[in-house]
Amino acid sequence: MKIGIIIIFHNNEKEMDPSFLIEQINQTSNLELCLVNNDSKDNTYEVLKNIKEACDNVSVVNVRKFKSDISAVKAGARFMLNAFNLKHLGYVSINMLNTKYHGLNGLIKMIAENQDVINDYNCKNLKKKKTLFQSLFSVIDYLKNLEIENPFIQLQYQRNL
């Protein structure tokens, strides 16, 4: 079984380098990615569809009315639950990250480089069975707690940027 990762986008067209993203995503054979477009007003959705066409392990969900990040994550989780047999679901919201220096490319590269660690995620900490939505985990927080050495992860926890 694979782990799913939901990535939320909102008006991120200018931050995307489709060829780099496709190259990195095609290296993540152990993960199933769901790219959620949260009612972008630019061409983010079109770029995401192009990425999906070039990658076997990518799905795209289009949220047509802007929702909170948590609601957009839940929309992606519902899709992933119905479409795939997954062990766990992680999430990342692009607009909640400090991407000033490493950008979206840094996020996707970090996911590709750490796919085995992400795929080994387990719920030892969970004391009782939780619903799918209660057991969603933040990919960035998970990797930070494992003390993964990665400039992108370290940047997310720096202050005053």
N, C-alpha and C. Protein backbone atom coordinates (compact mmCIF):
# COMPACT_ATOMS: atom_id res chain seq x y z
N MET A 1 0.84 -1.20 0.00
CA MET A 1 0.00 0.00 0.00
C MET A 1 0.87 1.25 0.00
N LYS A 2 0.39 2.27 -0.64
CA LYS A 2 1.10 3.54 -0.74
C LYS A 2 0.54 4.54 0.26
N ILE A 3 1.25 5.63 0.37
CA ILE A 3 0.78 6.78 1.13
C ILE A 3 0.39 7.84 0.12
N GLY A 4 -0.69 8.55 0.41
CA GLY A 4 -1.13 9.64 -0.43
C GLY A 4 -0.69 10.98 0.14
N ILE A 5 -0.35 11.90 -0.72
CA ILE A 5 -0.02 13.26 -0.29
C ILE A 5 -0.90 14.22 -1.07
N ILE A 6 -1.58 15.07 -0.33
CA ILE A 6 -2.46 16.08 -0.89
C ILE A 6 -1.72 17.41 -0.84
N ILE A 7 -1.63 18.08 -1.98
CA ILE A 7 -0.96 19.39 -2.03
C ILE A 7 -1.99 20.40 -2.51
N ILE A 8 -2.22 21.44 -1.71
CA ILE A 8 -3.23 22.46 -2.00
C ILE A 8 -2.57 23.64 -2.70
N PHE A 9 -3.17 24.04 -3.82
CA PHE A 9 -2.69 25.18 -4.61
C PHE A 9 -3.78 26.25 -4.67
N HIS A 10 -3.37 27.51 -4.66
CA HIS A 10 -4.29 28.62 -4.88
C HIS A 10 -3.50 29.76 -5.51
N ASN A 11 -3.76 30.03 -6.78
CA ASN A 11 -3.07 31.10 -7.51
C ASN A 11 -1.54 30.97 -7.46
N ASN A 12 -1.04 29.78 -7.77
CA ASN A 12 0.39 29.52 -7.73
C ASN A 12 1.02 29.35 -9.11
N GLU A 13 0.33 29.76 -10.16
CA GLU A 13 0.83 29.56 -11.53
C GLU A 13 2.24 30.11 -11.72
N LYS A 14 2.50 31.31 -11.24
CA LYS A 14 3.80 31.94 -11.46
C LYS A 14 4.92 31.26 -10.69
N GLU A 15 4.59 30.53 -9.64
CA GLU A 15 5.59 29.84 -8.83
C GLU A 15 5.93 28.46 -9.38
N MET A 16 5.19 27.99 -10.38
CA MET A 16 5.37 26.63 -10.88
C MET A 16 6.34 26.57 -12.05
N ASP A 17 7.19 25.56 -12.00
CA ASP A 17 8.07 25.20 -13.11
C ASP A 17 7.62 23.79 -13.51
N PRO A 18 6.66 23.70 -14.45
CA PRO A 18 6.07 22.39 -14.76
C PRO A 18 7.08 21.30 -15.11
N SER A 19 8.11 21.62 -15.90
CA SER A 19 9.06 20.58 -16.29
C SER A 19 9.83 20.06 -15.08
N PHE A 20 10.23 20.94 -14.18
CA PHE A 20 10.93 20.50 -12.96
C PHE A 20 10.00 19.68 -12.09
N LEU A 21 8.75 20.14 -11.92
CA LEU A 21 7.79 19.41 -11.09
C LEU A 21 7.53 18.02 -11.65
N ILE A 22 7.36 17.92 -12.95
CA ILE A 22 7.13 16.62 -13.59
C ILE A 22 8.33 15.70 -13.36
N GLU A 23 9.53 16.23 -13.54
CA GLU A 23 10.74 15.42 -13.34
C GLU A 23 10.81 14.89 -11.91
N GLN A 24 10.55 15.75 -10.92
CA GLN A 24 10.61 15.33 -9.52
C GLN A 24 9.48 14.36 -9.17
N ILE A 25 8.28 14.66 -9.62
CA ILE A 25 7.13 13.81 -9.30
C ILE A 25 7.31 12.42 -9.91
N ASN A 26 7.87 12.34 -11.10
CA ASN A 26 8.09 11.03 -11.73
C ASN A 26 9.10 10.18 -10.97
N GLN A 27 9.81 10.76 -10.03
CA GLN A 27 10.73 10.01 -9.18
C GLN A 27 10.05 9.49 -7.92
N THR A 28 8.79 9.84 -7.70
CA THR A 28 8.08 9.45 -6.48
C THR A 28 7.16 8.27 -6.73
N SER A 29 7.73 7.14 -7.06
CA SER A 29 6.92 5.97 -7.39
C SER A 29 6.21 5.37 -6.18
N ASN A 30 6.66 5.69 -4.97
CA ASN A 30 6.07 5.13 -3.76
C ASN A 30 4.93 5.97 -3.19
N LEU A 31 4.62 7.07 -3.82
CA LEU A 31 3.59 7.97 -3.30
C LEU A 31 2.54 8.23 -4.36
N GLU A 32 1.32 8.46 -3.91
CA GLU A 32 0.23 8.88 -4.79
C GLU A 32 -0.06 10.34 -4.45
N LEU A 33 0.03 11.22 -5.42
CA LEU A 33 -0.15 12.66 -5.17
C LEU A 33 -1.50 13.13 -5.67
N CYS A 34 -2.13 13.97 -4.87
CA CYS A 34 -3.38 14.61 -5.26
C CYS A 34 -3.15 16.11 -5.21
N LEU A 35 -3.17 16.76 -6.36
CA LEU A 35 -2.98 18.20 -6.45
C LEU A 35 -4.35 18.85 -6.46
N VAL A 36 -4.63 19.66 -5.45
CA VAL A 36 -5.95 20.28 -5.31
C VAL A 36 -5.85 21.75 -5.67
N ASN A 37 -6.60 22.15 -6.69
CA ASN A 37 -6.68 23.55 -7.08
C ASN A 37 -7.85 24.17 -6.31
N ASN A 38 -7.53 25.10 -5.41
CA ASN A 38 -8.54 25.72 -4.56
C ASN A 38 -9.01 27.03 -5.18
N ASP A 39 -9.83 26.92 -6.24
CA ASP A 39 -10.46 28.05 -6.91
C ASP A 39 -9.48 29.15 -7.32
N SER A 40 -8.41 28.75 -8.00
CA SER A 40 -7.44 29.73 -8.47
C SER A 40 -8.04 30.61 -9.56
N LYS A 41 -7.65 31.87 -9.57
CA LYS A 41 -8.11 32.81 -10.59
C LYS A 41 -7.12 32.93 -11.74
N ASP A 42 -5.95 32.33 -11.60
CA ASP A 42 -4.98 32.33 -12.68
C ASP A 42 -5.03 30.97 -13.40
N ASN A 43 -3.99 30.57 -14.06
CA ASN A 43 -3.97 29.30 -14.81
C ASN A 43 -3.41 28.12 -14.02
N THR A 44 -3.46 28.19 -12.71
CA THR A 44 -2.95 27.10 -11.87
C THR A 44 -3.59 25.77 -12.24
N TYR A 45 -4.89 25.76 -12.42
CA TYR A 45 -5.59 24.51 -12.73
C TYR A 45 -5.10 23.90 -14.04
N GLU A 46 -4.88 24.72 -15.05
CA GLU A 46 -4.39 24.22 -16.33
C GLU A 46 -2.99 23.61 -16.19
N VAL A 47 -2.14 24.28 -15.42
CA VAL A 47 -0.79 23.76 -15.20
C VAL A 47 -0.86 22.42 -14.47
N LEU A 48 -1.74 22.33 -13.46
CA LEU A 48 -1.88 21.07 -12.71
C LEU A 48 -2.37 19.94 -13.62
N LYS A 49 -3.31 20.25 -14.52
CA LYS A 49 -3.80 19.23 -15.45
C LYS A 49 -2.67 18.75 -16.36
N ASN A 50 -1.81 19.65 -16.81
CA ASN A 50 -0.67 19.27 -17.66
C ASN A 50 0.30 18.37 -16.89
N ILE A 51 0.52 18.69 -15.63
CA ILE A 51 1.39 17.85 -14.79
C ILE A 51 0.78 16.46 -14.64
N LYS A 52 -0.53 16.41 -14.42
CA LYS A 52 -1.22 15.12 -14.27
C LYS A 52 -1.06 14.26 -15.51
N GLU A 53 -1.17 14.87 -16.68
CA GLU A 53 -1.03 14.13 -17.94
C GLU A 53 0.35 13.52 -18.11
N ALA A 54 1.36 14.14 -17.51
CA ALA A 54 2.74 13.66 -17.66
C ALA A 54 3.19 12.72 -16.55
N CYS A 55 2.36 12.53 -15.52
CA CYS A 55 2.75 11.72 -14.37
C CYS A 55 1.68 10.67 -14.07
N ASP A 56 2.13 9.45 -13.86
CA ASP A 56 1.20 8.34 -13.59
C ASP A 56 0.60 8.37 -12.19
N ASN A 57 1.30 8.94 -11.23
CA ASN A 57 0.86 8.89 -9.84
C ASN A 57 0.27 10.22 -9.35
N VAL A 58 -0.32 10.97 -10.26
CA VAL A 58 -0.89 12.28 -9.91
C VAL A 58 -2.36 12.33 -10.28
N SER A 59 -3.16 12.86 -9.36
CA SER A 59 -4.57 13.16 -9.61
C SER A 59 -4.77 14.64 -9.34
N VAL A 60 -5.76 15.22 -9.98
CA VAL A 60 -6.06 16.63 -9.78
C VAL A 60 -7.52 16.76 -9.38
N VAL A 61 -7.75 17.53 -8.32
CA VAL A 61 -9.10 17.86 -7.88
C VAL A 61 -9.26 19.36 -8.01
N ASN A 62 -10.35 19.79 -8.63
CA ASN A 62 -10.61 21.22 -8.81
C ASN A 62 -11.75 21.64 -7.89
N VAL A 63 -11.44 22.48 -6.90
CA VAL A 63 -12.45 23.04 -6.01
C VAL A 63 -12.89 24.36 -6.64
N ARG A 64 -14.16 24.44 -7.02
CA ARG A 64 -14.63 25.59 -7.81
C ARG A 64 -15.02 26.81 -7.00
N LYS A 65 -15.23 26.64 -5.70
CA LYS A 65 -15.52 27.78 -4.84
C LYS A 65 -14.48 27.76 -3.73
N PHE A 66 -13.78 28.87 -3.54
CA PHE A 66 -12.68 28.92 -2.58
C PHE A 66 -13.11 28.43 -1.21
N LYS A 67 -12.28 27.56 -0.64
CA LYS A 67 -12.53 27.01 0.69
C LYS A 67 -11.29 27.22 1.56
N SER A 68 -11.46 27.03 2.84
CA SER A 68 -10.30 27.09 3.74
C SER A 68 -9.35 25.96 3.35
N ASP A 69 -8.10 26.07 3.79
CA ASP A 69 -7.13 25.03 3.47
C ASP A 69 -7.58 23.67 4.01
N ILE A 70 -8.15 23.65 5.20
CA ILE A 70 -8.60 22.39 5.79
C ILE A 70 -9.72 21.78 4.95
N SER A 71 -10.64 22.59 4.48
CA SER A 71 -11.73 22.08 3.63
C SER A 71 -11.19 21.58 2.30
N ALA A 72 -10.20 22.26 1.75
CA ALA A 72 -9.59 21.81 0.50
C ALA A 72 -8.84 20.49 0.71
N VAL A 73 -8.16 20.34 1.85
CA VAL A 73 -7.49 19.09 2.18
C VAL A 73 -8.53 17.97 2.27
N LYS A 74 -9.66 18.24 2.91
CA LYS A 74 -10.72 17.23 3.04
C LYS A 74 -11.28 16.84 1.68
N ALA A 75 -11.40 17.79 0.76
CA ALA A 75 -11.87 17.47 -0.59
C ALA A 75 -10.88 16.51 -1.26
N GLY A 76 -9.60 16.79 -1.13
CA GLY A 76 -8.59 15.90 -1.68
C GLY A 76 -8.60 14.53 -1.00
N ALA A 77 -8.81 14.53 0.33
CA ALA A 77 -8.85 13.27 1.08
C ALA A 77 -10.04 12.41 0.66
N ARG A 78 -11.18 13.03 0.46
CA ARG A 78 -12.36 12.26 0.00
C ARG A 78 -12.08 11.62 -1.35
N PHE A 79 -11.47 12.38 -2.25
CA PHE A 79 -11.13 11.82 -3.56
C PHE A 79 -10.16 10.66 -3.42
N MET A 80 -9.09 10.85 -2.66
CA MET A 80 -8.07 9.82 -2.50
C MET A 80 -8.64 8.56 -1.85
N LEU A 81 -9.50 8.73 -0.87
CA LEU A 81 -10.11 7.59 -0.18
C LEU A 81 -10.93 6.76 -1.16
N ASN A 82 -11.68 7.42 -2.03
CA ASN A 82 -12.52 6.71 -2.99
C ASN A 82 -11.73 6.11 -4.16
N ALA A 83 -10.60 6.70 -4.51
CA ALA A 83 -9.87 6.27 -5.70
C ALA A 83 -8.75 5.26 -5.43
N PHE A 84 -8.20 5.25 -4.22
CA PHE A 84 -7.00 4.45 -3.97
C PHE A 84 -7.08 3.71 -2.64
N ASN A 85 -6.32 2.64 -2.54
CA ASN A 85 -6.16 1.90 -1.30
C ASN A 85 -4.87 2.40 -0.65
N LEU A 86 -4.99 3.34 0.27
CA LEU A 86 -3.82 4.00 0.85
C LEU A 86 -3.71 3.70 2.34
N LYS A 87 -2.46 3.64 2.83
CA LYS A 87 -2.23 3.43 4.26
C LYS A 87 -2.57 4.69 5.04
N HIS A 88 -2.07 5.82 4.57
CA HIS A 88 -2.25 7.09 5.27
C HIS A 88 -2.29 8.22 4.24
N LEU A 89 -2.74 9.37 4.72
CA LEU A 89 -2.79 10.57 3.87
C LEU A 89 -2.06 11.71 4.56
N GLY A 90 -1.12 12.30 3.85
CA GLY A 90 -0.46 13.49 4.34
C GLY A 90 -0.89 14.68 3.50
N TYR A 91 -0.61 15.87 3.98
CA TYR A 91 -1.01 17.07 3.24
C TYR A 91 0.03 18.17 3.38
N VAL A 92 0.01 19.06 2.40
CA VAL A 92 0.82 20.27 2.40
C VAL A 92 -0.01 21.34 1.70
N SER A 93 -0.07 22.52 2.30
CA SER A 93 -0.73 23.65 1.64
C SER A 93 0.35 24.64 1.23
N ILE A 94 0.46 24.87 -0.07
CA ILE A 94 1.51 25.74 -0.61
C ILE A 94 1.45 27.13 0.02
N ASN A 95 0.25 27.69 0.17
CA ASN A 95 0.13 29.06 0.65
C ASN A 95 0.40 29.21 2.14
N MET A 96 0.48 28.11 2.87
CA MET A 96 0.79 28.17 4.29
C MET A 96 2.29 28.00 4.56
N LEU A 97 3.04 27.75 3.50
CA LEU A 97 4.47 27.51 3.66
C LEU A 97 5.28 28.78 3.47
N ASN A 98 6.45 28.77 4.06
CA ASN A 98 7.41 29.84 3.83
C ASN A 98 8.23 29.42 2.62
N THR A 99 7.81 29.85 1.45
CA THR A 99 8.48 29.43 0.20
C THR A 99 9.32 30.56 -0.39
N LYS A 100 9.64 31.54 0.42
CA LYS A 100 10.35 32.72 -0.06
C LYS A 100 11.66 32.37 -0.78
N TYR A 101 12.42 31.43 -0.25
CA TYR A 101 13.72 31.12 -0.83
C TYR A 101 13.76 29.83 -1.63
N HIS A 102 13.02 28.82 -1.21
CA HIS A 102 13.09 27.53 -1.87
C HIS A 102 11.90 27.25 -2.78
N GLY A 103 10.81 27.94 -2.60
CA GLY A 103 9.66 27.85 -3.47
C GLY A 103 9.03 26.47 -3.58
N LEU A 104 8.12 26.38 -4.50
CA LEU A 104 7.39 25.14 -4.76
C LEU A 104 8.34 24.03 -5.21
N ASN A 105 9.34 24.38 -6.00
CA ASN A 105 10.31 23.39 -6.45
C ASN A 105 11.00 22.73 -5.25
N GLY A 106 11.32 23.53 -4.24
CA GLY A 106 11.96 22.99 -3.03
C GLY A 106 11.05 22.00 -2.32
N LEU A 107 9.76 22.30 -2.27
CA LEU A 107 8.80 21.39 -1.64
C LEU A 107 8.75 20.06 -2.38
N ILE A 108 8.57 20.10 -3.69
CA ILE A 108 8.44 18.88 -4.47
C ILE A 108 9.74 18.08 -4.42
N LYS A 109 10.87 18.75 -4.47
CA LYS A 109 12.15 18.06 -4.38
C LYS A 109 12.30 17.40 -3.00
N MET A 110 11.89 18.09 -1.94
CA MET A 110 11.95 17.54 -0.59
C MET A 110 11.08 16.29 -0.48
N ILE A 111 9.90 16.31 -1.08
CA ILE A 111 9.01 15.14 -1.06
C ILE A 111 9.66 13.99 -1.83
N ALA A 112 10.21 14.26 -2.99
CA ALA A 112 10.85 13.22 -3.80
C ALA A 112 12.05 12.61 -3.07
N GLU A 113 12.87 13.45 -2.45
CA GLU A 113 14.05 12.95 -1.75
C GLU A 113 13.71 12.14 -0.51
N ASN A 114 12.58 12.41 0.10
CA ASN A 114 12.21 11.75 1.36
C ASN A 114 11.02 10.81 1.21
N GLN A 115 10.74 10.35 0.00
CA GLN A 115 9.56 9.52 -0.21
C GLN A 115 9.59 8.23 0.61
N ASP A 116 10.76 7.63 0.80
CA ASP A 116 10.82 6.40 1.58
C ASP A 116 10.49 6.65 3.04
N VAL A 117 10.99 7.76 3.59
CA VAL A 117 10.69 8.12 4.97
C VAL A 117 9.20 8.44 5.12
N ILE A 118 8.66 9.16 4.16
CA ILE A 118 7.23 9.49 4.21
C ILE A 118 6.40 8.22 4.10
N ASN A 119 6.80 7.31 3.24
CA ASN A 119 6.06 6.07 3.04
C ASN A 119 6.12 5.17 4.28
N ASP A 120 7.12 5.36 5.14
CA ASP A 120 7.23 4.58 6.37
C ASP A 120 6.42 5.18 7.52
N TYR A 121 5.67 6.24 7.24
CA TYR A 121 4.86 6.87 8.28
C TYR A 121 3.98 5.82 8.94
N ASN A 122 3.94 5.85 10.26
CA ASN A 122 3.01 4.95 10.95
C ASN A 122 2.31 5.70 12.07
N CYS A 123 1.27 5.12 12.55
CA CYS A 123 0.40 5.79 13.53
C CYS A 123 0.62 5.25 14.94
N LYS A 124 1.85 4.99 15.36
CA LYS A 124 2.09 4.49 16.71
C LYS A 124 1.54 5.46 17.75
N ASN A 125 1.58 6.74 17.41
CA ASN A 125 1.14 7.76 18.36
C ASN A 125 -0.37 7.76 18.57
N LEU A 126 -1.11 7.19 17.63
CA LEU A 126 -2.56 7.22 17.72
C LEU A 126 -3.03 6.19 18.74
N LYS A 127 -3.72 6.65 19.80
CA LYS A 127 -4.13 5.76 20.86
C LYS A 127 -5.40 5.00 20.53
N LYS A 128 -6.24 5.60 19.75
CA LYS A 128 -7.47 4.93 19.35
C LYS A 128 -7.67 5.14 17.86
N LYS A 129 -8.49 4.31 17.29
CA LYS A 129 -8.74 4.43 15.86
C LYS A 129 -9.41 5.77 15.57
N LYS A 130 -8.89 6.46 14.60
CA LYS A 130 -9.44 7.77 14.23
C LYS A 130 -10.04 7.69 12.84
N THR A 131 -10.88 8.66 12.56
CA THR A 131 -11.44 8.73 11.21
C THR A 131 -10.34 9.18 10.25
N LEU A 132 -10.61 9.04 8.98
CA LEU A 132 -9.64 9.44 7.97
C LEU A 132 -9.19 10.89 8.17
N PHE A 133 -10.14 11.78 8.40
CA PHE A 133 -9.80 13.20 8.51
C PHE A 133 -9.02 13.50 9.78
N GLN A 134 -9.28 12.75 10.84
CA GLN A 134 -8.53 12.96 12.08
C GLN A 134 -7.12 12.42 11.98
N SER A 135 -6.89 11.49 11.07
CA SER A 135 -5.56 10.89 10.98
C SER A 135 -4.71 11.48 9.84
N LEU A 136 -5.19 12.52 9.17
CA LEU A 136 -4.36 13.23 8.19
C LEU A 136 -3.14 13.80 8.90
N PHE A 137 -1.99 13.76 8.25
CA PHE A 137 -0.80 14.30 8.90
C PHE A 137 -0.13 15.33 8.00
N SER A 138 0.48 16.31 8.65
CA SER A 138 1.24 17.33 7.93
C SER A 138 2.59 16.73 7.55
N VAL A 139 2.89 16.68 6.27
CA VAL A 139 4.15 16.11 5.78
C VAL A 139 5.33 16.88 6.34
N ILE A 140 5.25 18.20 6.34
CA ILE A 140 6.36 19.04 6.82
C ILE A 140 6.60 18.80 8.31
N ASP A 141 5.52 18.80 9.12
CA ASP A 141 5.68 18.57 10.56
C ASP A 141 6.24 17.18 10.84
N TYR A 142 5.78 16.19 10.12
CA TYR A 142 6.26 14.82 10.29
C TYR A 142 7.76 14.72 10.03
N LEU A 143 8.21 15.29 8.90
CA LEU A 143 9.63 15.23 8.58
C LEU A 143 10.46 16.06 9.56
N LYS A 144 9.93 17.18 10.02
CA LYS A 144 10.64 17.99 11.00
C LYS A 144 10.82 17.21 12.31
N ASN A 145 9.76 16.51 12.75
CA ASN A 145 9.86 15.73 13.98
C ASN A 145 10.87 14.59 13.86
N LEU A 146 11.09 14.09 12.66
CA LEU A 146 12.10 13.05 12.44
C LEU A 146 13.49 13.65 12.30
N GLU A 147 13.55 14.97 12.33
CA GLU A 147 14.81 15.72 12.21
C GLU A 147 15.53 15.41 10.90
N ILE A 148 14.75 15.39 9.83
CA ILE A 148 15.33 15.21 8.49
C ILE A 148 16.12 16.47 8.16
N GLU A 149 17.34 16.29 7.69
CA GLU A 149 18.17 17.43 7.31
C GLU A 149 17.82 17.84 5.88
N ASN A 150 17.08 18.92 5.75
CA ASN A 150 16.70 19.42 4.44
C ASN A 150 16.50 20.92 4.57
N PRO A 151 17.13 21.72 3.73
CA PRO A 151 17.00 23.18 3.84
C PRO A 151 15.56 23.66 3.78
N PHE A 152 14.72 23.01 2.97
CA PHE A 152 13.33 23.43 2.84
C PHE A 152 12.60 23.25 4.16
N ILE A 153 12.79 22.11 4.81
CA ILE A 153 12.11 21.84 6.08
C ILE A 153 12.61 22.80 7.15
N GLN A 154 13.93 23.02 7.21
CA GLN A 154 14.49 23.93 8.21
C GLN A 154 13.94 25.34 8.02
N LEU A 155 13.76 25.76 6.78
CA LEU A 155 13.25 27.10 6.48
C LEU A 155 11.83 27.29 7.01
N GLN A 156 11.04 26.24 7.03
CA GLN A 156 9.64 26.35 7.47
C GLN A 156 9.54 26.72 8.95
N TYR A 157 10.60 26.47 9.71
CA TYR A 157 10.56 26.70 11.14
C TYR A 157 11.43 27.85 11.60
N GLN A 158 12.01 28.57 10.65
CA GLN A 158 12.77 29.76 11.00
C GLN A 158 11.82 30.91 11.25
N ARG A 159 12.21 31.80 12.12
CA ARG A 159 11.38 32.96 12.41
C ARG A 159 11.97 34.19 11.73
N ASN A 160 11.17 35.23 11.67
CA ASN A 160 11.60 36.52 11.14
C ASN A 160 11.96 36.51 9.66
N LEU A 161 11.32 35.66 8.86
CA LEU A 161 11.57 35.67 7.41
C LEU A 161 10.43 36.34 6.69
